[in-house]
All heavy atoms as atom14 arrays in JSON, in Angstrom:
{
  "sequence": "RVAGEAYAAGGIRTTVAATRAASDEDLAAGVARHVEEMRRQGT",
  "atom14_mask": [
    [1, 1, 1, 1, 1, 1, 1, 1, 1, 1, 1, 0, 0, 0],
    [1, 1, 1, 1, 1, 1, 1, 0, 0, 0, 0, 0, 0, 0],
    [1, 1, 1, 1, 1, 0, 0, 0, 0, 0, 0, 0, 0, 0],
    [1, 1, 1, 1, 0, 0, 0, 0, 0, 0, 0, 0, 0, 0],
    [1, 1, 1, 1, 1, 1, 1, 1, 1, 0, 0, 0, 0, 0],
    [1, 1, 1, 1, 1, 0, 0, 0, 0, 0, 0, 0, 0, 0],
    [1, 1, 1, 1, 1, 1, 1, 1, 1, 1, 1, 1, 0, 0],
    [1, 1, 1, 1, 1, 0, 0, 0, 0, 0, 0, 0, 0, 0],
    [1, 1, 1, 1, 1, 0, 0, 0, 0, 0, 0, 0, 0, 0],
    [1, 1, 1, 1, 0, 0, 0, 0, 0, 0, 0, 0, 0, 0],
    [1, 1, 1, 1, 0, 0, 0, 0, 0, 0, 0, 0, 0, 0],
    [1, 1, 1, 1, 1, 1, 1, 1, 0, 0, 0, 0, 0, 0],
    [1, 1, 1, 1, 1, 1, 1, 1, 1, 1, 1, 0, 0, 0],
    [1, 1, 1, 1, 1, 1, 1, 0, 0, 0, 0, 0, 0, 0],
    [1, 1, 1, 1, 1, 1, 1, 0, 0, 0, 0, 0, 0, 0],
    [1, 1, 1, 1, 1, 1, 1, 0, 0, 0, 0, 0, 0, 0],
    [1, 1, 1, 1, 1, 0, 0, 0, 0, 0, 0, 0, 0, 0],
    [1, 1, 1, 1, 1, 0, 0, 0, 0, 0, 0, 0, 0, 0],
    [1, 1, 1, 1, 1, 1, 1, 0, 0, 0, 0, 0, 0, 0],
    [1, 1, 1, 1, 1, 1, 1, 1, 1, 1, 1, 0, 0, 0],
    [1, 1, 1, 1, 1, 0, 0, 0, 0, 0, 0, 0, 0, 0],
    [1, 1, 1, 1, 1, 0, 0, 0, 0, 0, 0, 0, 0, 0],
    [1, 1, 1, 1, 1, 1, 0, 0, 0, 0, 0, 0, 0, 0],
    [1, 1, 1, 1, 1, 1, 1, 1, 0, 0, 0, 0, 0, 0],
    [1, 1, 1, 1, 1, 1, 1, 1, 1, 0, 0, 0, 0, 0],
    [1, 1, 1, 1, 1, 1, 1, 1, 0, 0, 0, 0, 0, 0],
    [1, 1, 1, 1, 1, 1, 1, 1, 0, 0, 0, 0, 0, 0],
    [1, 1, 1, 1, 1, 0, 0, 0, 0, 0, 0, 0, 0, 0],
    [1, 1, 1, 1, 1, 0, 0, 0, 0, 0, 0, 0, 0, 0],
    [1, 1, 1, 1, 0, 0, 0, 0, 0, 0, 0, 0, 0, 0],
    [1, 1, 1, 1, 1, 1, 1, 0, 0, 0, 0, 0, 0, 0],
    [1, 1, 1, 1, 1, 0, 0, 0, 0, 0, 0, 0, 0, 0],
    [1, 1, 1, 1, 1, 1, 1, 1, 1, 1, 1, 0, 0, 0],
    [1, 1, 1, 1, 1, 1, 1, 1, 1, 1, 0, 0, 0, 0],
    [1, 1, 1, 1, 1, 1, 1, 0, 0, 0, 0, 0, 0, 0],
    [1, 1, 1, 1, 1, 1, 1, 1, 1, 0, 0, 0, 0, 0],
    [1, 1, 1, 1, 1, 1, 1, 1, 1, 0, 0, 0, 0, 0],
    [1, 1, 1, 1, 1, 1, 1, 1, 0, 0, 0, 0, 0, 0],
    [1, 1, 1, 1, 1, 1, 1, 1, 1, 1, 1, 0, 0, 0],
    [1, 1, 1, 1, 1, 1, 1, 1, 1, 1, 1, 0, 0, 0],
    [1, 1, 1, 1, 1, 1, 1, 1, 1, 0, 0, 0, 0, 0],
    [1, 1, 1, 1, 0, 0, 0, 0, 0, 0, 0, 0, 0, 0],
    [1, 1, 1, 1, 1, 1, 1, 0, 0, 0, 0, 0, 0, 0]
  ],
  "atom14_positions": [
    [[15.06, -17.26, 5.4], [14.86, -17.5, 6.83], [14.83, -19.0, 7.13], [15.43, -19.46, 8.11], [13.57, -16.82, 7.29], [13.38, -16.85, 8.78], [12.33, -15.85, 9.23], [10.99, -16.18, 8.77], [10.27, -15.43, 7.95], [10.78, -14.29, 7.48], [9.06, -15.79, 7.59], [0.0, 0.0, 0.0], [0.0, 0.0, 0.0], [0.0, 0.0, 0.0]],
    [[14.11, -19.76, 6.32], [14.05, -21.2, 6.59], [15.37, -21.88, 6.27], [15.6, -23.02, 6.7], [12.89, -21.88, 5.82], [11.55, -21.32, 6.27], [13.05, -21.76, 4.31], [0.0, 0.0, 0.0], [0.0, 0.0, 0.0], [0.0, 0.0, 0.0], [0.0, 0.0, 0.0], [0.0, 0.0, 0.0], [0.0, 0.0, 0.0], [0.0, 0.0, 0.0]],
    [[16.25, -21.16, 5.57], [17.6, -21.68, 5.34], [18.55, -21.34, 6.46], [19.71, -21.74, 6.44], [18.14, -21.15, 4.01], [0.0, 0.0, 0.0], [0.0, 0.0, 0.0], [0.0, 0.0, 0.0], [0.0, 0.0, 0.0], [0.0, 0.0, 0.0], [0.0, 0.0, 0.0], [0.0, 0.0, 0.0], [0.0, 0.0, 0.0], [0.0, 0.0, 0.0]],
    [[18.04, -20.57, 7.45], [18.87, -20.34, 8.62], [19.09, -18.9, 9.03], [19.64, -18.63, 10.09], [0.0, 0.0, 0.0], [0.0, 0.0, 0.0], [0.0, 0.0, 0.0], [0.0, 0.0, 0.0], [0.0, 0.0, 0.0], [0.0, 0.0, 0.0], [0.0, 0.0, 0.0], [0.0, 0.0, 0.0], [0.0, 0.0, 0.0], [0.0, 0.0, 0.0]],
    [[18.67, -17.94, 8.21], [18.85, -16.54, 8.59], [17.82, -16.14, 9.63], [16.67, -16.59, 9.59], [18.74, -15.63, 7.35], [19.85, -15.84, 6.34], [19.76, -14.86, 5.18], [19.04, -13.85, 5.31], [20.39, -15.12, 4.15], [0.0, 0.0, 0.0], [0.0, 0.0, 0.0], [0.0, 0.0, 0.0], [0.0, 0.0, 0.0], [0.0, 0.0, 0.0]],
    [[18.2, -15.27, 10.55], [17.32, -14.84, 11.64], [16.31, -13.82, 11.13], [16.61, -13.0, 10.25], [18.13, -14.25, 12.78], [0.0, 0.0, 0.0], [0.0, 0.0, 0.0], [0.0, 0.0, 0.0], [0.0, 0.0, 0.0], [0.0, 0.0, 0.0], [0.0, 0.0, 0.0], [0.0, 0.0, 0.0], [0.0, 0.0, 0.0], [0.0, 0.0, 0.0]],
    [[15.09, -13.85, 11.71], [14.09, -12.83, 11.39], [14.44, -11.55, 12.11], [14.83, -11.55, 13.27], [12.68, -13.28, 11.82], [11.67, -12.17, 11.68], [11.24, -11.76, 10.43], [11.19, -11.49, 12.8], [10.32, -10.72, 10.29], [10.27, -10.46, 12.68], [9.85, -10.08, 11.42], [8.95, -9.05, 11.28], [0.0, 0.0, 0.0], [0.0, 0.0, 0.0]],
    [[14.28, -10.41, 11.42], [14.46, -9.1, 12.03], [13.4, -8.17, 11.46], [12.91, -8.36, 10.35], [15.85, -8.55, 11.74], [0.0, 0.0, 0.0], [0.0, 0.0, 0.0], [0.0, 0.0, 0.0], [0.0, 0.0, 0.0], [0.0, 0.0, 0.0], [0.0, 0.0, 0.0], [0.0, 0.0, 0.0], [0.0, 0.0, 0.0], [0.0, 0.0, 0.0]],
    [[13.08, -7.11, 12.21], [12.01, -6.2, 11.8], [12.36, -5.42, 10.54], [11.48, -4.87, 9.88], [11.7, -5.23, 12.94], [0.0, 0.0, 0.0], [0.0, 0.0, 0.0], [0.0, 0.0, 0.0], [0.0, 0.0, 0.0], [0.0, 0.0, 0.0], [0.0, 0.0, 0.0], [0.0, 0.0, 0.0], [0.0, 0.0, 0.0], [0.0, 0.0, 0.0]],
    [[13.63, -5.36, 10.16], [14.04, -4.58, 9.0], [13.41, -5.0, 7.7], [13.33, -4.21, 6.74], [0.0, 0.0, 0.0], [0.0, 0.0, 0.0], [0.0, 0.0, 0.0], [0.0, 0.0, 0.0], [0.0, 0.0, 0.0], [0.0, 0.0, 0.0], [0.0, 0.0, 0.0], [0.0, 0.0, 0.0], [0.0, 0.0, 0.0], [0.0, 0.0, 0.0]],
    [[12.97, -6.23, 7.6], [12.33, -6.69, 6.37], [11.07, -5.94, 6.03], [10.62, -5.94, 4.87], [0.0, 0.0, 0.0], [0.0, 0.0, 0.0], [0.0, 0.0, 0.0], [0.0, 0.0, 0.0], [0.0, 0.0, 0.0], [0.0, 0.0, 0.0], [0.0, 0.0, 0.0], [0.0, 0.0, 0.0], [0.0, 0.0, 0.0], [0.0, 0.0, 0.0]],
    [[10.48, -5.28, 7.02], [9.27, -4.49, 6.79], [9.52, -3.44, 5.7], [8.62, -3.13, 4.9], [8.81, -3.83, 8.1], [8.33, -4.9, 9.09], [7.73, -2.78, 7.87], [8.16, -4.4, 10.52], [0.0, 0.0, 0.0], [0.0, 0.0, 0.0], [0.0, 0.0, 0.0], [0.0, 0.0, 0.0], [0.0, 0.0, 0.0], [0.0, 0.0, 0.0]],
    [[10.72, -2.91, 5.64], [11.01, -1.84, 4.68], [10.88, -2.31, 3.24], [10.59, -1.51, 2.35], [12.4, -1.27, 4.95], [12.52, -0.59, 6.32], [13.88, 0.03, 6.56], [13.94, 0.68, 7.87], [14.29, 0.08, 9.0], [14.62, -1.2, 8.98], [14.32, 0.74, 10.14], [0.0, 0.0, 0.0], [0.0, 0.0, 0.0], [0.0, 0.0, 0.0]],
    [[11.07, -3.59, 2.98], [10.88, -4.12, 1.64], [9.42, -3.96, 1.2], [9.13, -3.55, 0.08], [11.26, -5.62, 1.61], [12.61, -5.77, 2.03], [11.08, -6.19, 0.21], [0.0, 0.0, 0.0], [0.0, 0.0, 0.0], [0.0, 0.0, 0.0], [0.0, 0.0, 0.0], [0.0, 0.0, 0.0], [0.0, 0.0, 0.0], [0.0, 0.0, 0.0]],
    [[8.51, -4.27, 2.11], [7.09, -4.12, 1.8], [6.7, -2.66, 1.72], [5.82, -2.29, 0.92], [6.25, -4.85, 2.86], [6.61, -6.23, 2.87], [4.76, -4.72, 2.58], [0.0, 0.0, 0.0], [0.0, 0.0, 0.0], [0.0, 0.0, 0.0], [0.0, 0.0, 0.0], [0.0, 0.0, 0.0], [0.0, 0.0, 0.0], [0.0, 0.0, 0.0]],
    [[7.33, -1.8, 2.5], [7.05, -0.37, 2.43], [7.3, 0.15, 1.02], [6.46, 0.87, 0.45], [7.88, 0.4, 3.46], [7.8, 1.91, 3.22], [7.41, 0.09, 4.88], [0.0, 0.0, 0.0], [0.0, 0.0, 0.0], [0.0, 0.0, 0.0], [0.0, 0.0, 0.0], [0.0, 0.0, 0.0], [0.0, 0.0, 0.0], [0.0, 0.0, 0.0]],
    [[8.41, -0.22, 0.43], [8.72, 0.27, -0.92], [7.68, -0.19, -1.93], [7.22, 0.6, -2.77], [10.11, -0.21, -1.33], [0.0, 0.0, 0.0], [0.0, 0.0, 0.0], [0.0, 0.0, 0.0], [0.0, 0.0, 0.0], [0.0, 0.0, 0.0], [0.0, 0.0, 0.0], [0.0, 0.0, 0.0], [0.0, 0.0, 0.0], [0.0, 0.0, 0.0]],
    [[7.28, -1.45, -1.86], [6.3, -1.97, -2.81], [4.94, -1.33, -2.59], [4.21, -1.03, -3.55], [6.2, -3.48, -2.67], [0.0, 0.0, 0.0], [0.0, 0.0, 0.0], [0.0, 0.0, 0.0], [0.0, 0.0, 0.0], [0.0, 0.0, 0.0], [0.0, 0.0, 0.0], [0.0, 0.0, 0.0], [0.0, 0.0, 0.0], [0.0, 0.0, 0.0]],
    [[4.57, -1.11, -1.34], [3.25, -0.56, -1.02], [3.15, 0.9, -1.46], [2.14, 1.33, -2.02], [2.97, -0.69, 0.48], [3.06, -2.06, 0.85], [1.59, -0.15, 0.84], [0.0, 0.0, 0.0], [0.0, 0.0, 0.0], [0.0, 0.0, 0.0], [0.0, 0.0, 0.0], [0.0, 0.0, 0.0], [0.0, 0.0, 0.0], [0.0, 0.0, 0.0]],
    [[4.19, 1.65, -1.25], [4.19, 3.05, -1.7], [4.0, 3.14, -3.2], [3.36, 4.07, -3.71], [5.49, 3.73, -1.29], [5.63, 4.01, 0.19], [6.98, 4.66, 0.48], [7.13, 5.02, 1.89], [8.22, 5.6, 2.39], [9.26, 5.86, 1.59], [8.28, 5.9, 3.68], [0.0, 0.0, 0.0], [0.0, 0.0, 0.0], [0.0, 0.0, 0.0]],
    [[4.56, 2.19, -3.93], [4.51, 2.24, -5.4], [3.19, 1.75, -5.97], [2.9, 1.96, -7.15], [5.65, 1.4, -5.98], [0.0, 0.0, 0.0], [0.0, 0.0, 0.0], [0.0, 0.0, 0.0], [0.0, 0.0, 0.0], [0.0, 0.0, 0.0], [0.0, 0.0, 0.0], [0.0, 0.0, 0.0], [0.0, 0.0, 0.0], [0.0, 0.0, 0.0]],
    [[2.37, 1.09, -5.16], [1.12, 0.5, -5.64], [0.01, 1.55, -5.72], [0.01, 2.53, -4.97], [0.69, -0.64, -4.72], [0.0, 0.0, 0.0], [0.0, 0.0, 0.0], [0.0, 0.0, 0.0], [0.0, 0.0, 0.0], [0.0, 0.0, 0.0], [0.0, 0.0, 0.0], [0.0, 0.0, 0.0], [0.0, 0.0, 0.0], [0.0, 0.0, 0.0]],
    [[-0.94, 1.32, -6.61], [-2.11, 2.2, -6.71], [-3.12, 1.87, -5.62], [-3.09, 0.78, -5.04], [-2.77, 2.03, -8.07], [-3.36, 0.75, -8.19], [0.0, 0.0, 0.0], [0.0, 0.0, 0.0], [0.0, 0.0, 0.0], [0.0, 0.0, 0.0], [0.0, 0.0, 0.0], [0.0, 0.0, 0.0], [0.0, 0.0, 0.0], [0.0, 0.0, 0.0]],
    [[-4.03, 2.8, -5.38], [-5.1, 2.53, -4.43], [-5.91, 1.31, -4.85], [-6.31, 0.49, -4.01], [-6.05, 3.73, -4.33], [-5.42, 4.93, -3.66], [-4.2, 4.92, -3.41], [-6.16, 5.9, -3.39], [0.0, 0.0, 0.0], [0.0, 0.0, 0.0], [0.0, 0.0, 0.0], [0.0, 0.0, 0.0], [0.0, 0.0, 0.0], [0.0, 0.0, 0.0]],
    [[-6.15, 1.21, -6.15], [-6.95, 0.09, -6.67], [-6.26, -1.24, -6.43], [-6.91, -2.23, -6.07], [-7.23, 0.29, -8.15], [-8.12, 1.46, -8.49], [-7.43, 2.82, -8.37], [-6.17, 2.87, -8.34], [-8.15, 3.84, -8.28], [0.0, 0.0, 0.0], [0.0, 0.0, 0.0], [0.0, 0.0, 0.0], [0.0, 0.0, 0.0], [0.0, 0.0, 0.0]],
    [[-4.95, -1.27, -6.62], [-4.22, -2.51, -6.39], [-4.22, -2.89, -4.92], [-4.36, -4.07, -4.55], [-2.78, -2.39, -6.91], [-2.7, -2.43, -8.42], [-3.68, -2.86, -9.06], [-1.65, -2.03, -8.96], [0.0, 0.0, 0.0], [0.0, 0.0, 0.0], [0.0, 0.0, 0.0], [0.0, 0.0, 0.0], [0.0, 0.0, 0.0], [0.0, 0.0, 0.0]],
    [[-4.07, -1.89, -4.05], [-4.09, -2.18, -2.62], [-5.46, -2.7, -2.19], [-5.56, -3.67, -1.43], [-3.73, -0.93, -1.82], [-2.28, -0.44, -1.94], [-2.1, 0.84, -1.14], [-1.28, -1.49, -1.48], [0.0, 0.0, 0.0], [0.0, 0.0, 0.0], [0.0, 0.0, 0.0], [0.0, 0.0, 0.0], [0.0, 0.0, 0.0], [0.0, 0.0, 0.0]],
    [[-6.52, -2.07, -2.68], [-7.88, -2.52, -2.32], [-8.14, -3.92, -2.85], [-8.78, -4.73, -2.16], [-8.91, -1.54, -2.87], [0.0, 0.0, 0.0], [0.0, 0.0, 0.0], [0.0, 0.0, 0.0], [0.0, 0.0, 0.0], [0.0, 0.0, 0.0], [0.0, 0.0, 0.0], [0.0, 0.0, 0.0], [0.0, 0.0, 0.0], [0.0, 0.0, 0.0]],
    [[-7.66, -4.22, -4.05], [-7.86, -5.56, -4.6], [-7.15, -6.6, -3.74], [-7.66, -7.71, -3.53], [-7.35, -5.62, -6.03], [0.0, 0.0, 0.0], [0.0, 0.0, 0.0], [0.0, 0.0, 0.0], [0.0, 0.0, 0.0], [0.0, 0.0, 0.0], [0.0, 0.0, 0.0], [0.0, 0.0, 0.0], [0.0, 0.0, 0.0], [0.0, 0.0, 0.0]],
    [[-5.97, -6.26, -3.23], [-5.25, -7.2, -2.36], [-5.98, -7.43, -1.06], [-6.08, -8.57, -0.59], [0.0, 0.0, 0.0], [0.0, 0.0, 0.0], [0.0, 0.0, 0.0], [0.0, 0.0, 0.0], [0.0, 0.0, 0.0], [0.0, 0.0, 0.0], [0.0, 0.0, 0.0], [0.0, 0.0, 0.0], [0.0, 0.0, 0.0], [0.0, 0.0, 0.0]],
    [[-6.51, -6.37, -0.45], [-7.27, -6.54, 0.79], [-8.5, -7.39, 0.53], [-8.82, -8.31, 1.29], [-7.66, -5.18, 1.39], [-8.52, -5.38, 2.63], [-6.43, -4.36, 1.74], [0.0, 0.0, 0.0], [0.0, 0.0, 0.0], [0.0, 0.0, 0.0], [0.0, 0.0, 0.0], [0.0, 0.0, 0.0], [0.0, 0.0, 0.0], [0.0, 0.0, 0.0]],
    [[-9.21, -7.11, -0.57], [-10.42, -7.86, -0.89], [-10.11, -9.35, -1.05], [-10.87, -10.21, -0.56], [-11.07, -7.32, -2.17], [0.0, 0.0, 0.0], [0.0, 0.0, 0.0], [0.0, 0.0, 0.0], [0.0, 0.0, 0.0], [0.0, 0.0, 0.0], [0.0, 0.0, 0.0], [0.0, 0.0, 0.0], [0.0, 0.0, 0.0], [0.0, 0.0, 0.0]],
    [[-9.0, -9.65, -1.7], [-8.63, -11.05, -1.9], [-8.35, -11.74, -0.57], [-8.8, -12.87, -0.33], [-7.39, -11.13, -2.79], [-6.94, -12.54, -3.14], [-5.82, -12.54, -4.15], [-4.58, -11.95, -3.63], [-4.12, -10.76, -3.95], [-4.79, -9.97, -4.78], [-2.98, -10.3, -3.44], [0.0, 0.0, 0.0], [0.0, 0.0, 0.0], [0.0, 0.0, 0.0]],
    [[-7.65, -11.06, 0.31], [-7.31, -11.68, 1.58], [-8.51, -11.77, 2.53], [-8.66, -12.74, 3.27], [-6.16, -10.92, 2.24], [-4.85, -11.13, 1.57], [-4.3, -10.2, 0.71], [-3.99, -12.18, 1.59], [-3.15, -10.66, 0.24], [-2.94, -11.86, 0.76], [0.0, 0.0, 0.0], [0.0, 0.0, 0.0], [0.0, 0.0, 0.0], [0.0, 0.0, 0.0]],
    [[-9.38, -10.76, 2.51], [-10.59, -10.83, 3.34], [-11.49, -11.98, 2.88], [-12.05, -12.71, 3.71], [-11.34, -9.49, 3.31], [-12.73, -9.62, 3.91], [-10.55, -8.42, 4.08], [0.0, 0.0, 0.0], [0.0, 0.0, 0.0], [0.0, 0.0, 0.0], [0.0, 0.0, 0.0], [0.0, 0.0, 0.0], [0.0, 0.0, 0.0], [0.0, 0.0, 0.0]],
    [[-11.61, -12.17, 1.58], [-12.4, -13.28, 1.08], [-11.76, -14.62, 1.46], [-12.44, -15.59, 1.8], [-12.55, -13.19, -0.44], [-13.29, -14.35, -1.07], [-14.68, -14.59, -0.51], [-15.31, -13.62, -0.03], [-15.15, -15.74, -0.54], [0.0, 0.0, 0.0], [0.0, 0.0, 0.0], [0.0, 0.0, 0.0], [0.0, 0.0, 0.0], [0.0, 0.0, 0.0]],
    [[-10.44, -14.67, 1.41], [-9.72, -15.88, 1.83], [-10.0, -16.18, 3.3], [-10.26, -17.33, 3.69], [-8.23, -15.63, 1.61], [-7.31, -16.8, 1.78], [-5.88, -16.41, 1.42], [-5.54, -16.42, 0.22], [-5.12, -16.05, 2.33], [0.0, 0.0, 0.0], [0.0, 0.0, 0.0], [0.0, 0.0, 0.0], [0.0, 0.0, 0.0], [0.0, 0.0, 0.0]],
    [[-10.0, -15.14, 4.13], [-10.33, -15.31, 5.55], [-11.77, -15.77, 5.72], [-12.06, -16.66, 6.53], [-10.13, -13.98, 6.28], [-8.7, -13.56, 6.47], [-8.62, -11.94, 7.26], [-6.89, -11.91, 7.78], [0.0, 0.0, 0.0], [0.0, 0.0, 0.0], [0.0, 0.0, 0.0], [0.0, 0.0, 0.0], [0.0, 0.0, 0.0], [0.0, 0.0, 0.0]],
    [[-12.68, -15.17, 4.94], [-14.09, -15.51, 5.06], [-14.32, -16.98, 4.77], [-15.11, -17.65, 5.45], [-14.89, -14.63, 4.09], [-16.4, -14.74, 4.18], [-16.94, -14.19, 5.47], [-16.44, -12.88, 5.82], [-16.91, -11.72, 5.33], [-17.89, -11.72, 4.46], [-16.4, -10.58, 5.73], [0.0, 0.0, 0.0], [0.0, 0.0, 0.0], [0.0, 0.0, 0.0]],
    [[-13.64, -17.51, 3.76], [-13.81, -18.93, 3.43], [-13.33, -19.83, 4.55], [-13.72, -21.0, 4.63], [-13.05, -19.27, 2.14], [-13.62, -18.64, 0.89], [-13.07, -19.31, -0.36], [-11.62, -19.26, -0.45], [-10.93, -18.3, -1.04], [-11.56, -17.26, -1.59], [-9.61, -18.33, -1.09], [0.0, 0.0, 0.0], [0.0, 0.0, 0.0], [0.0, 0.0, 0.0]],
    [[-12.48, -19.3, 5.44], [-11.96, -20.08, 6.57], [-12.63, -19.71, 7.88], [-12.15, -20.08, 8.94], [-10.44, -19.87, 6.65], [-9.72, -20.36, 5.4], [-8.25, -20.01, 5.43], [-7.43, -20.8, 5.9], [-7.9, -18.83, 4.96], [0.0, 0.0, 0.0], [0.0, 0.0, 0.0], [0.0, 0.0, 0.0], [0.0, 0.0, 0.0], [0.0, 0.0, 0.0]],
    [[-13.76, -18.99, 7.8], [-14.58, -18.77, 8.97], [-14.4, -17.45, 9.69], [-15.07, -17.21, 10.7], [0.0, 0.0, 0.0], [0.0, 0.0, 0.0], [0.0, 0.0, 0.0], [0.0, 0.0, 0.0], [0.0, 0.0, 0.0], [0.0, 0.0, 0.0], [0.0, 0.0, 0.0], [0.0, 0.0, 0.0], [0.0, 0.0, 0.0], [0.0, 0.0, 0.0]],
    [[-13.53, -16.58, 9.21], [-13.34, -15.28, 9.87], [-14.41, -14.31, 9.41], [-14.56, -14.07, 8.21], [-11.95, -14.7, 9.58], [-10.96, -15.56, 10.15], [-11.78, -13.32, 10.16], [0.0, 0.0, 0.0], [0.0, 0.0, 0.0], [0.0, 0.0, 0.0], [0.0, 0.0, 0.0], [0.0, 0.0, 0.0], [0.0, 0.0, 0.0], [0.0, 0.0, 0.0]]
  ]
}
């Protein structure tokens, strides 16, 4: 994208494939990591 390609909503499907393949534990660990990252920045 930063090389010049336009953003489109279709890229969401890439994350859909990875998310479907992940375990519940891996998904929860990712949320925990990002929530803690937010917390350190005041959210």
